[in-house]
Structure formats: C-alpha cells, structure tokens
PDB file of N, CA and C in Angstrom:
ATOM      1  N   MET A   1       0.838  -1.175   0.000  1.00  0.00           N
ATOM      2  CA  MET A   1       0.000   0.000   0.000  1.00  0.00           C
ATOM      3  C   MET A   1       0.887   1.244   0.000  1.00  0.00           C
ATOM      4  N   GLN A   2       0.421   2.244  -0.648  1.00  0.00           N
ATOM      5  CA  GLN A   2       1.194   3.477  -0.681  1.00  0.00           C
ATOM      6  C   GLN A   2       0.910   4.310   0.569  1.00  0.00           C
ATOM      7  N   ARG A   3       1.837   5.164   0.831  1.00  0.00           N
ATOM      8  CA  ARG A   3       1.755   5.988   2.027  1.00  0.00           C
ATOM      9  C   ARG A   3       0.477   6.833   2.068  1.00  0.00           C
ATOM     10  N   GLY A   4       0.045   7.396   0.966  1.00  0.00           N
ATOM     11  CA  GLY A   4      -1.165   8.220   0.911  1.00  0.00           C
ATOM     12  C   GLY A   4      -2.415   7.443   1.257  1.00  0.00           C
ATOM     13  N   HIS A   5      -2.476   6.176   0.830  1.00  0.00           N
ATOM     14  CA  HIS A   5      -3.648   5.349   1.129  1.00  0.00           C
ATOM     15  C   HIS A   5      -3.744   5.043   2.621  1.00  0.00           C
ATOM     16  N   VAL A   6      -2.620   4.771   3.238  1.00  0.00           N
ATOM     17  CA  VAL A   6      -2.604   4.486   4.678  1.00  0.00           C
ATOM     18  C   VAL A   6      -3.053   5.719   5.457  1.00  0.00           C
ATOM     19  N   MET A   7      -2.559   6.887   5.064  1.00  0.00           N
ATOM     20  CA  MET A   7      -2.957   8.124   5.736  1.00  0.00           C
ATOM     21  C   MET A   7      -4.460   8.383   5.573  1.00  0.00           C
ATOM     22  N   ALA A   8      -4.980   8.171   4.369  1.00  0.00           N
ATOM     23  CA  ALA A   8      -6.410   8.370   4.121  1.00  0.00           C
ATOM     24  C   ALA A   8      -7.233   7.402   4.958  1.00  0.00           C
ATOM     25  N   LEU A   9      -6.797   6.148   5.046  1.00  0.00           N
ATOM     26  CA  LEU A   9      -7.495   5.144   5.849  1.00  0.00           C
ATOM     27  C   LEU A   9      -7.487   5.539   7.325  1.00  0.00           C
ATOM     28  N   MET A  10      -6.356   6.018   7.829  1.00  0.00           N
ATOM     29  CA  MET A  10      -6.274   6.443   9.227  1.00  0.00           C
ATOM     30  C   MET A  10      -7.197   7.633   9.494  1.00  0.00           C
ATOM     31  N   ILE A  11      -7.272   8.575   8.566  1.00  0.00           N
ATOM     32  CA  ILE A  11      -8.149   9.739   8.737  1.00  0.00           C
ATOM     33  C   ILE A  11      -9.607   9.300   8.760  1.00  0.00           C
ATOM     34  N   ILE A  12      -9.984   8.358   7.909  1.00  0.00           N
ATOM     35  CA  ILE A  12     -11.367   7.854   7.887  1.00  0.00           C
ATOM     36  C   ILE A  12     -11.695   7.144   9.196  1.00  0.00           C
ATOM     37  N   ILE A  13     -10.775   6.337   9.691  1.00  0.00           N
ATOM     38  CA  ILE A  13     -11.002   5.620  10.952  1.00  0.00           C
ATOM     39  C   ILE A  13     -11.149   6.615  12.112  1.00  0.00           C
ATOM     40  N   LEU A  14     -10.275   7.605  12.175  1.00  0.00           N
ATOM     41  CA  LEU A  14     -10.368   8.603  13.238  1.00  0.00           C
ATOM     42  C   LEU A  14     -11.664   9.414  13.153  1.00  0.00           C
ATOM     43  N   ALA A  15     -12.102   9.723  11.940  1.00  0.00           N
ATOM     44  CA  ALA A  15     -13.361  10.453  11.773  1.00  0.00           C
ATOM     45  C   ALA A  15     -14.540   9.610  12.248  1.00  0.00           C
ATOM     46  N   ALA A  16     -14.524   8.321  11.953  1.00  0.00           N
ATOM     47  CA  ALA A  16     -15.606   7.429  12.397  1.00  0.00           C
ATOM     48  C   ALA A  16     -15.629   7.319  13.916  1.00  0.00           C
ATOM     49  N   ILE A  17     -14.459   7.216  14.525  1.00  0.00           N
ATOM     50  CA  ILE A  17     -14.386   7.140  15.988  1.00  0.00           C
ATOM     51  C   ILE A  17     -14.886   8.446  16.607  1.00  0.00           C
ATOM     52  N   SER A  18     -14.493   9.573  16.052  1.00  0.00           N
ATOM     53  CA  SER A  18     -14.942  10.875  16.569  1.00  0.00           C
ATOM     54  C   SER A  18     -16.453  11.025  16.473  1.00  0.00           C
ATOM     55  N   ALA A  19     -17.032  10.601  15.364  1.00  0.00           N
ATOM     56  CA  ALA A  19     -18.489  10.688  15.208  1.00  0.00           C
ATOM     57  C   ALA A  19     -19.193   9.796  16.213  1.00  0.00           C
ATOM     58  N   SER A  20     -18.649   8.615  16.456  1.00  0.00           N
ATOM     59  CA  SER A  20     -19.246   7.699  17.435  1.00  0.00           C
ATOM     60  C   SER A  20     -19.193   8.283  18.840  1.00  0.00           C
ATOM     61  N   VAL A  21     -18.064   8.852  19.197  1.00  0.00           N
ATOM     62  CA  VAL A  21     -17.915   9.454  20.530  1.00  0.00           C
ATOM     63  C   VAL A  21     -18.868  10.631  20.691  1.00  0.00           C
ATOM     64  N   ALA A  22     -19.001  11.462  19.675  1.00  0.00           N
ATOM     65  CA  ALA A  22     -19.910  12.613  19.751  1.00  0.00           C
ATOM     66  C   ALA A  22     -21.351  12.160  19.922  1.00  0.00           C
ATOM     67  N   THR A  23     -21.754  11.140  19.182  1.00  0.00           N
ATOM     68  CA  THR A  23     -23.122  10.618  19.301  1.00  0.00           C
ATOM     69  C   THR A  23     -23.365  10.031  20.683  1.00  0.00           C
ATOM     70  N   PHE A  24     -22.431   9.246  21.172  1.00  0.00           N
ATOM     71  CA  PHE A  24     -22.582   8.615  22.482  1.00  0.00           C
ATOM     72  C   PHE A  24     -22.650   9.655  23.594  1.00  0.00           C
ATOM     73  N   SER A  25     -21.774  10.659  23.561  1.00  0.00           N
ATOM     74  CA  SER A  25     -21.783  11.664  24.622  1.00  0.00           C
ATOM     75  C   SER A  25     -23.062  12.502  24.581  1.00  0.00           C
ATOM     76  N   GLY A  26     -23.597  12.773  23.405  1.00  0.00           N
ATOM     77  CA  GLY A  26     -24.864  13.495  23.295  1.00  0.00           C
ATOM     78  C   GLY A  26     -26.008  12.715  23.902  1.00  0.00           C
ATOM     79  N   ARG A  27     -26.057  11.424  23.612  1.00  0.00           N
ATOM     80  CA  ARG A  27     -27.116  10.583  24.184  1.00  0.00           C
ATOM     81  C   ARG A  27     -26.975  10.468  25.696  1.00  0.00           C
ATOM     82  N   LEU A  28     -25.740  10.366  26.165  1.00  0.00           N
ATOM     83  CA  LEU A  28     -25.500  10.270  27.603  1.00  0.00           C
ATOM     84  C   LEU A  28     -25.966  11.527  28.327  1.00  0.00           C
ATOM     85  N   THR A  29     -25.708  12.682  27.753  1.00  0.00           N
ATOM     86  CA  THR A  29     -26.132  13.950  28.349  1.00  0.00           C
ATOM     87  C   THR A  29     -27.650  14.035  28.422  1.00  0.00           C
ATOM     88  N   ILE A  30     -28.323  13.654  27.353  1.00  0.00           N
ATOM     89  CA  ILE A  30     -29.787  13.674  27.339  1.00  0.00           C
ATOM     90  C   ILE A  30     -30.340  12.717  28.380  1.00  0.00           C
ATOM     91  N   ASP A  31     -29.739  11.525  28.491  1.00  0.00           N
ATOM     92  CA  ASP A  31     -30.194  10.536  29.457  1.00  0.00           C
ATOM     93  C   ASP A  31     -30.015  11.037  30.887  1.00  0.00           C
ATOM     94  N   LEU A  32     -28.883  11.665  31.184  1.00  0.00           N
ATOM     95  CA  LEU A  32     -28.644  12.189  32.530  1.00  0.00           C
ATOM     96  C   LEU A  32     -29.627  13.303  32.884  1.00  0.00           C
ATOM     97  N   ASN A  33     -29.932  14.173  31.920  1.00  0.00           N
ATOM     98  CA  ASN A  33     -30.896  15.251  32.173  1.00  0.00           C
ATOM     99  C   ASN A  33     -32.290  14.703  32.426  1.00  0.00           C
ATOM    100  N   SER A  34     -32.689  13.680  31.676  1.00  0.00           N
ATOM    101  CA  SER A  34     -34.030  13.120  31.882  1.00  0.00           C
ATOM    102  C   SER A  34     -34.109  12.377  33.214  1.00  0.00           C
ATOM    103  N   ARG A  35     -33.019  11.739  33.633  1.00  0.00           N
ATOM    104  CA  ARG A  35     -33.015  11.066  34.938  1.00  0.00           C
ATOM    105  C   ARG A  35     -33.145  12.083  36.062  1.00  0.00           C
ATOM    106  N   ARG A  36     -32.449  13.212  35.948  1.00  0.00           N
ATOM    107  CA  ARG A  36     -32.534  14.240  36.979  1.00  0.00           C
ATOM    108  C   ARG A  36     -33.950  14.802  37.057  1.00  0.00           C
ATOM    109  N   ALA A  37     -34.565  15.062  35.903  1.00  0.00           N
ATOM    110  CA  ALA A  37     -35.934  15.579  35.891  1.00  0.00           C
ATOM    111  C   ALA A  37     -36.893  14.580  36.518  1.00  0.00           C
ATOM    112  N   SER A  38     -36.684  13.309  36.254  1.00  0.00           N
ATOM    113  CA  SER A  38     -37.531  12.272  36.842  1.00  0.00           C
ATOM    114  C   SER A  38     -37.341  12.207  38.362  1.00  0.00           C
ATOM    115  N   ALA A  39     -36.103  12.366  38.807  1.00  0.00           N
ATOM    116  CA  ALA A  39     -35.830  12.344  40.249  1.00  0.00           C
ATOM    117  C   ALA A  39     -36.473  13.535  40.947  1.00  0.00           C
ATOM    118  N   VAL A  40     -36.431  14.706  40.319  1.00  0.00           N
ATOM    119  CA  VAL A  40     -37.063  15.897  40.898  1.00  0.00           C
ATOM    120  C   VAL A  40     -38.565  15.686  40.999  1.00  0.00           C
ATOM    121  N   ARG A  41     -39.185  15.130  39.949  1.00  0.00           N
ATOM    122  CA  ARG A  41     -40.632  14.877  39.957  1.00  0.00           C
ATOM    123  C   ARG A  41     -41.001  13.904  41.073  1.00  0.00           C
ATOM    124  N   SER A  42     -40.290  12.774  41.148  1.00  0.00           N
ATOM    125  CA  SER A  42     -40.587  11.765  42.172  1.00  0.00           C
ATOM    126  C   SER A  42     -40.410  12.330  43.576  1.00  0.00           C
ATOM    127  N   GLN A  43     -39.308  13.044  43.799  1.00  0.00           N
ATOM    128  CA  GLN A  43     -39.040  13.601  45.120  1.00  0.00           C
ATOM    129  C   GLN A  43     -40.092  14.640  45.507  1.00  0.00           C
ATOM    130  N   SER A  44     -40.482  15.499  44.577  1.00  0.00           N
ATOM    131  CA  SER A  44     -41.476  16.542  44.863  1.00  0.00           C
ATOM    132  C   SER A  44     -42.820  15.934  45.234  1.00  0.00           C
ATOM    133  N   LEU A  45     -43.281  14.986  44.440  1.00  0.00           N
ATOM    134  CA  LEU A  45     -44.580  14.361  44.731  1.00  0.00           C
ATOM    135  C   LEU A  45     -44.528  13.560  46.031  1.00  0.00           C
ATOM    136  N   TRP A  46     -43.414  12.888  46.296  1.00  0.00           N
ATOM    137  CA  TRP A  46     -43.279  12.123  47.533  1.00  0.00           C
ATOM    138  C   TRP A  46     -43.350  13.048  48.744  1.00  0.00           C
ATOM    139  N   LEU A  47     -42.657  14.184  48.677  1.00  0.00           N
ATOM    140  CA  LEU A  47     -42.694  15.140  49.787  1.00  0.00           C
ATOM    141  C   LEU A  47     -44.104  15.684  50.017  1.00  0.00           C
ATOM    142  N   ALA A  48     -44.816  15.975  48.932  1.00  0.00           N
ATOM    143  CA  ALA A  48     -46.185  16.496  49.065  1.00  0.00           C
ATOM    144  C   ALA A  48     -47.107  15.439  49.668  1.00  0.00           C
ATOM    145  N   ARG A  49     -46.990  14.200  49.210  1.00  0.00           N
ATOM    146  CA  ARG A  49     -47.814  13.117  49.783  1.00  0.00           C
ATOM    147  C   ARG A  49     -47.519  12.941  51.266  1.00  0.00           C
ATOM    148  N   SER A  50     -46.238  12.942  51.609  1.00  0.00           N
ATOM    149  CA  SER A  50     -45.847  12.751  53.008  1.00  0.00           C
ATOM    150  C   SER A  50     -46.370  13.872  53.896  1.00  0.00           C
ATOM    151  N   ALA A  51     -46.288  15.104  53.402  1.00  0.00           N
ATOM    152  CA  ALA A  51     -46.769  16.235  54.196  1.00  0.00           C
ATOM    153  C   ALA A  51     -48.264  16.116  54.467  1.00  0.00           C
ATOM    154  N   LEU A  52     -49.023  15.683  53.470  1.00  0.00           N
ATOM    155  CA  LEU A  52     -50.473  15.543  53.675  1.00  0.00           C
ATOM    156  C   LEU A  52     -50.803  14.383  54.600  1.00  0.00           C
ATOM    157  N   THR A  53     -50.160  13.239  54.412  1.00  0.00           N
ATOM    158  CA  THR A  53     -50.517  12.067  55.209  1.00  0.00           C
ATOM    159  C   THR A  53     -50.037  12.158  56.655  1.00  0.00           C
ATOM    160  N   THR A  54     -48.991  12.944  56.922  1.00  0.00           N
ATOM    161  CA  THR A  54     -48.508  13.083  58.305  1.00  0.00           C
ATOM    162  C   THR A  54     -49.132  14.268  59.023  1.00  0.00           C
ATOM    163  N   GLY A  55     -49.954  15.041  58.308  1.00  0.00           N
ATOM    164  CA  GLY A  55     -50.654  16.147  58.950  1.00  0.00           C
ATOM    165  C   GLY A  55     -49.803  17.382  59.175  1.00  0.00           C
ATOM    166  N   GLN A  56     -48.747  17.554  58.407  1.00  0.00           N
ATOM    167  CA  GLN A  56     -47.911  18.751  58.531  1.00  0.00           C
ATOM    168  C   GLN A  56     -48.729  19.989  58.179  1.00  0.00           C
ATOM    169  N   ARG A  57     -48.381  21.107  58.776  1.00  0.00           N
ATOM    170  CA  ARG A  57     -49.032  22.383  58.469  1.00  0.00           C
ATOM    171  C   ARG A  57     -47.967  23.450  58.329  1.00  0.00           C
ATOM    172  N   GLY A  58     -48.241  24.469  57.543  1.00  0.00           N
ATOM    173  CA  GLY A  58     -47.308  25.575  57.393  1.00  0.00           C
ATOM    174  C   GLY A  58     -46.294  25.329  56.287  1.00  0.00           C
ATOM    175  N   GLU A  59     -45.163  26.030  56.399  1.00  0.00           N
ATOM    176  CA  GLU A  59     -44.115  25.948  55.387  1.00  0.00           C
ATOM    177  C   GLU A  59     -42.839  25.404  56.013  1.00  0.00           C
ATOM    178  N   HIS A  60     -42.213  24.441  55.315  1.00  0.00           N
ATOM    179  CA  HIS A  60     -41.002  23.801  55.821  1.00  0.00           C
ATOM    180  C   HIS A  60     -39.954  23.753  54.713  1.00  0.00           C
ATOM    181  N   LEU A  61     -38.681  23.849  55.106  1.00  0.00           N
ATOM    182  CA  LEU A  61     -37.572  23.667  54.178  1.00  0.00           C
ATOM    183  C   LEU A  61     -37.009  22.272  54.390  1.00  0.00           C
ATOM    184  N   VAL A  62     -36.805  21.543  53.289  1.00  0.00           N
ATOM    185  CA  VAL A  62     -36.319  20.169  53.359  1.00  0.00           C
ATOM    186  C   VAL A  62     -35.130  20.033  52.417  1.00  0.00           C
ATOM    187  N   GLU A  63     -34.021  19.507  52.932  1.00  0.00           N
ATOM    188  CA  GLU A  63     -32.845  19.247  52.094  1.00  0.00           C
ATOM    189  C   GLU A  63     -33.032  17.913  51.377  1.00  0.00           C
ATOM    190  N   THR A  64     -32.800  17.911  50.072  1.00  0.00           N
ATOM    191  CA  THR A  64     -32.896  16.693  49.261  1.00  0.00           C
ATOM    192  C   THR A  64     -31.636  16.588  48.400  1.00  0.00           C
ATOM    193  N   PRO A  65     -31.399  15.434  47.798  1.00  0.00           N
ATOM    194  CA  PRO A  65     -30.260  15.313  46.883  1.00  0.00           C
ATOM    195  C   PRO A  65     -30.365  16.259  45.680  1.00  0.00           C
ATOM    196  N   GLN A  66     -31.568  16.695  45.346  1.00  0.00           N
ATOM    197  CA  GLN A  66     -31.770  17.596  44.212  1.00  0.00           C
ATOM    198  C   GLN A  66     -31.714  19.065  44.617  1.00  0.00           C
ATOM    199  N   GLY A  67     -31.540  19.349  45.884  1.00  0.00           N
ATOM    200  CA  GLY A  67     -31.500  20.723  46.364  1.00  0.00           C
ATOM    201  C   GLY A  67     -32.486  20.933  47.499  1.00  0.00           C
ATOM    202  N   GLN A  68     -32.678  22.185  47.868  1.00  0.00           N
ATOM    203  CA  GLN A  68     -33.582  22.516  48.969  1.00  0.00           C
ATOM    204  C   GLN A  68     -35.010  22.638  48.454  1.00  0.00           C
ATOM    205  N   ALA A  69     -35.925  21.945  49.115  1.00  0.00           N
ATOM    206  CA  ALA A  69     -37.337  21.977  48.744  1.00  0.00           C
ATOM    207  C   ALA A  69     -38.113  22.808  49.749  1.00  0.00           C
ATOM    208  N   VAL A  70     -39.106  23.535  49.250  1.00  0.00           N
ATOM    209  CA  VAL A  70     -40.019  24.291  50.109  1.00  0.00           C
ATOM    210  C   VAL A  70     -41.344  23.551  50.092  1.00  0.00           C
ATOM    211  N   VAL A  71     -41.756  23.061  51.247  1.00  0.00           N
ATOM    212  CA  VAL A  71     -43.000  22.308  51.379  1.00  0.00           C
ATOM    213  C   VAL A  71     -44.008  23.191  52.108  1.00  0.00           C
ATOM    214  N   SER A  72     -45.130  23.482  51.453  1.00  0.00           N
ATOM    215  CA  SER A  72     -46.175  24.314  52.049  1.00  0.00           C
ATOM    216  C   SER A  72     -47.461  23.509  52.115  1.00  0.00           C
ATOM    217  N   VAL A  73     -48.091  23.507  53.294  1.00  0.00           N
ATOM    218  CA  VAL A  73     -49.365  22.805  53.459  1.00  0.00           C
ATOM    219  C   VAL A  73     -50.375  23.785  54.000  1.00  0.00           C
ATOM    220  N   ALA A  74     -51.503  23.903  53.290  1.00  0.00           N
ATOM    221  CA  ALA A  74     -52.602  24.751  53.722  1.00  0.00           C
ATOM    222  C   ALA A  74     -53.898  23.970  53.511  1.00  0.00           C
ATOM    223  N   GLY A  75     -54.574  23.673  54.596  1.00  0.00           N
ATOM    224  CA  GLY A  75     -55.820  22.911  54.490  1.00  0.00           C
ATOM    225  C   GLY A  75     -55.571  21.522  53.929  1.00  0.00           C
ATOM    226  N   GLN A  76     -56.235  21.206  52.821  1.00  0.00           N
ATOM    227  CA  GLN A  76     -56.121  19.897  52.194  1.00  0.00           C
ATOM    228  C   GLN A  76     -55.171  19.894  50.997  1.00  0.00           C
ATOM    229  N   THR A  77     -54.325  20.923  50.873  1.00  0.00           N
ATOM    230  CA  THR A  77     -53.431  21.041  49.727  1.00  0.00           C
ATOM    231  C   THR A  77     -51.977  21.180  50.176  1.00  0.00           C
ATOM    232  N   ALA A  78     -51.104  20.380  49.567  1.00  0.00           N
ATOM    233  CA  ALA A  78     -49.664  20.475  49.820  1.00  0.00           C
ATOM    234  C   ALA A  78     -48.988  20.872  48.515  1.00  0.00           C
ATOM    235  N   THR A  79     -48.081  21.835  48.612  1.00  0.00           N
ATOM    236  CA  THR A  79     -47.337  22.299  47.442  1.00  0.00           C
ATOM    237  C   THR A  79     -45.851  22.223  47.752  1.00  0.00           C
ATOM    238  N   VAL A  80     -45.096  21.659  46.804  1.00  0.00           N
ATOM    239  CA  VAL A  80     -43.650  21.524  46.965  1.00  0.00           C
ATOM    240  C   VAL A  80     -42.968  22.200  45.786  1.00  0.00           C
ATOM    241  N   THR A  81     -41.988  23.049  46.087  1.00  0.00           N
ATOM    242  CA  THR A  81     -41.166  23.673  45.052  1.00  0.00           C
ATOM    243  C   THR A  81     -39.755  23.155  45.213  1.00  0.00           C
ATOM    244  N   LEU A  82     -39.239  22.522  44.160  1.00  0.00           N
ATOM    245  CA  LEU A  82     -37.910  21.924  44.198  1.00  0.00           C
ATOM    246  C   LEU A  82     -37.246  22.091  42.835  1.00  0.00           C
ATOM    247  N   ALA A  83     -36.086  22.689  42.811  1.00  0.00           N
ATOM    248  CA  ALA A  83     -35.291  22.870  41.579  1.00  0.00           C
ATOM    249  C   ALA A  83     -36.107  23.535  40.473  1.00  0.00           C
ATOM    250  N   GLY A  84     -36.945  24.499  40.854  1.00  0.00           N
ATOM    251  CA  GLY A  84     -37.737  25.228  39.872  1.00  0.00           C
ATOM    252  C   GLY A  84     -39.027  24.540  39.457  1.00  0.00           C
ATOM    253  N   ALA A  85     -39.228  23.304  39.888  1.00  0.00           N
ATOM    254  CA  ALA A  85     -40.447  22.556  39.569  1.00  0.00           C
ATOM    255  C   ALA A  85     -41.421  22.670  40.736  1.00  0.00           C
ATOM    256  N   THR A  86     -42.709  22.482  40.439  1.00  0.00           N
ATOM    257  CA  THR A  86     -43.734  22.577  41.474  1.00  0.00           C
ATOM    258  C   THR A  86     -44.637  21.357  41.429  1.00  0.00           C
ATOM    259  N   ALA A  87     -44.824  20.737  42.596  1.00  0.00           N
ATOM    260  CA  ALA A  87     -45.753  19.621  42.743  1.00  0.00           C
ATOM    261  C   ALA A  87     -46.853  20.061  43.687  1.00  0.00           C
ATOM    262  N   SER A  88     -48.085  19.724  43.355  1.00  0.00           N
ATOM    263  CA  SER A  88     -49.218  20.106  44.186  1.00  0.00           C
ATOM    264  C   SER A  88     -50.158  18.915  44.315  1.00  0.00           C
ATOM    265  N   ILE A  89     -50.580  18.652  45.539  1.00  0.00           N
ATOM    266  CA  ILE A  89     -51.516  17.550  45.789  1.00  0.00           C
ATOM    267  C   ILE A  89     -52.659  18.074  46.632  1.00  0.00           C
ATOM    268  N   THR A  90     -53.871  17.759  46.196  1.00  0.00           N
ATOM    269  CA  THR A  90     -55.081  18.091  46.940  1.00  0.00           C
ATOM    270  C   THR A  90     -55.667  16.785  47.464  1.00  0.00           C
ATOM    271  N   ALA A  91     -56.058  16.758  48.742  1.00  0.00           N
ATOM    272  CA  ALA A  91     -56.514  15.519  49.367  1.00  0.00           C
ATOM    273  C   ALA A  91     -57.958  15.166  49.036  1.00  0.00           C
ATOM    274  N   GLN A  92     -58.846  16.141  48.934  1.00  0.00           N
ATOM    275  CA  GLN A  92     -60.265  15.846  48.705  1.00  0.00           C
ATOM    276  C   GLN A  92     -60.775  16.598  47.504  1.00  0.00           C
ATOM    277  N   PRO A  93     -60.976  16.027  46.366  1.00  0.00           N
ATOM    278  CA  PRO A  93     -60.578  14.684  45.944  1.00  0.00           C
ATOM    279  C   PRO A  93     -59.070  14.641  45.713  1.00  0.00           C
ATOM    280  N   TRP A  94     -58.516  13.426  45.762  1.00  0.00           N
ATOM    281  CA  TRP A  94     -57.063  13.271  45.620  1.00  0.00           C
ATOM    282  C   TRP A  94     -56.658  13.595  44.185  1.00  0.00           C
ATOM    283  N   VAL A  95     -55.912  14.701  44.022  1.00  0.00           N
ATOM    284  CA  VAL A  95     -55.445  15.136  42.708  1.00  0.00           C
ATOM    285  C   VAL A  95     -53.973  15.503  42.830  1.00  0.00           C
ATOM    286  N   GLU A  96     -53.156  14.926  41.950  1.00  0.00           N
ATOM    287  CA  GLU A  96     -51.730  15.229  41.930  1.00  0.00           C
ATOM    288  C   GLU A  96     -51.398  15.989  40.658  1.00  0.00           C
ATOM    289  N   ARG A  97     -50.643  17.085  40.823  1.00  0.00           N
ATOM    290  CA  ARG A  97     -50.212  17.875  39.665  1.00  0.00           C
ATOM    291  C   ARG A  97     -48.717  18.125  39.787  1.00  0.00           C
ATOM    292  N   PHE A  98     -48.029  18.149  38.632  1.00  0.00           N
ATOM    293  CA  PHE A  98     -46.610  18.449  38.609  1.00  0.00           C
ATOM    294  C   PHE A  98     -46.321  19.377  37.447  1.00  0.00           C
ATOM    295  N   THR A  99     -45.630  20.463  37.736  1.00  0.00           N
ATOM    296  CA  THR A  99     -45.215  21.418  36.696  1.00  0.00           C
ATOM    297  C   THR A  99     -43.695  21.423  36.658  1.00  0.00           C
ATOM    298  N   PRO A 100     -43.084  20.957  35.571  1.00  0.00           N
ATOM    299  CA  PRO A 100     -41.620  20.927  35.516  1.00  0.00           C
ATOM    300  C   PRO A 100     -41.023  22.323  35.473  1.00  0.00           C
ATOM    301  N   ALA A 101     -39.759  22.389  35.791  1.00  0.00           N
ATOM    302  CA  ALA A 101     -39.033  23.672  35.746  1.00  0.00           C
ATOM    303  C   ALA A 101     -38.997  24.187  34.328  1.00  0.00           C
ATOM    304  N   GLN A 102     -39.121  25.483  34.183  1.00  0.00           N
ATOM    305  CA  GLN A 102     -39.053  26.104  32.860  1.00  0.00           C
ATOM    306  C   GLN A 102     -37.606  26.169  32.413  1.00  0.00           C
ATOM    307  N   SER A 103     -37.327  25.718  31.206  1.00  0.00           N
ATOM    308  CA  SER A 103     -35.958  25.769  30.707  1.00  0.00           C
ATOM    309  C   SER A 103     -35.632  27.202  30.272  1.00  0.00           C
ATOM    310  N   PRO A 104     -34.432  27.670  30.588  1.00  0.00           N
ATOM    311  CA  PRO A 104     -34.059  29.032  30.197  1.00  0.00           C
ATOM    312  C   PRO A 104     -33.931  29.138  28.681  1.00  0.00           C
ATOM    313  N   GLU A 105     -34.491  30.186  28.131  1.00  0.00           N
ATOM    314  CA  GLU A 105     -34.450  30.361  26.672  1.00  0.00           C
ATOM    315  C   GLU A 105     -33.756  31.636  26.309  1.00  0.00           C
TER     316      GLU A 105
END
C-alpha cells in the first residue's frame, strides 16, 4: 500500500471514531438530564404526599439530593417547590399535579 492510502485510511477511521464518541456523549447527556428531571418529579410528589398524610401544616424547608425543597401545606393542599419545579396535591378529591421547571431560553 502506498503511504497516501494508509494516511487516508487512518483519517477515515479517526473520523468514524470521533463521530461515534460525539453521538454517544450526546445521548449520555440527554439521558442524565431526563433522569434528573424524573428524580425531581418523584421527590417533589413524595414530599407532598408525606406532608399531607402526616398532617404537617405551614411551610417547611427540606434538604434533598436535588436541592432545597419548600413544602407548604394549607388545608387539604400540599405544594412543593424543588429545583424550579412545582408539585401540588389536593386531598379531597385526591389530585396530583406536577409542573416541571421552565428551561431558560
């Protein structure tokens, strides 16, 4: 094989590896962001359910792995704000709502 062919083959191989790495890292980033959003949703709703079932009243600050949550209970409604997202649960009738954090634009 001539020297030019070997160089061209090496450039093609390196380009293929670079494209694969870029695709994989992009998918990994998207997956990590969706996992974090799911964790915030689960944690927010869990905190709201717990506040209602344990009879908490008023406003409380709770440390979580996702950051500091503000848990507010008034009457039959518990509202949790965590990482810019809001979870709200009403006891009678039981209704759960979740509003994800707004992405900066």
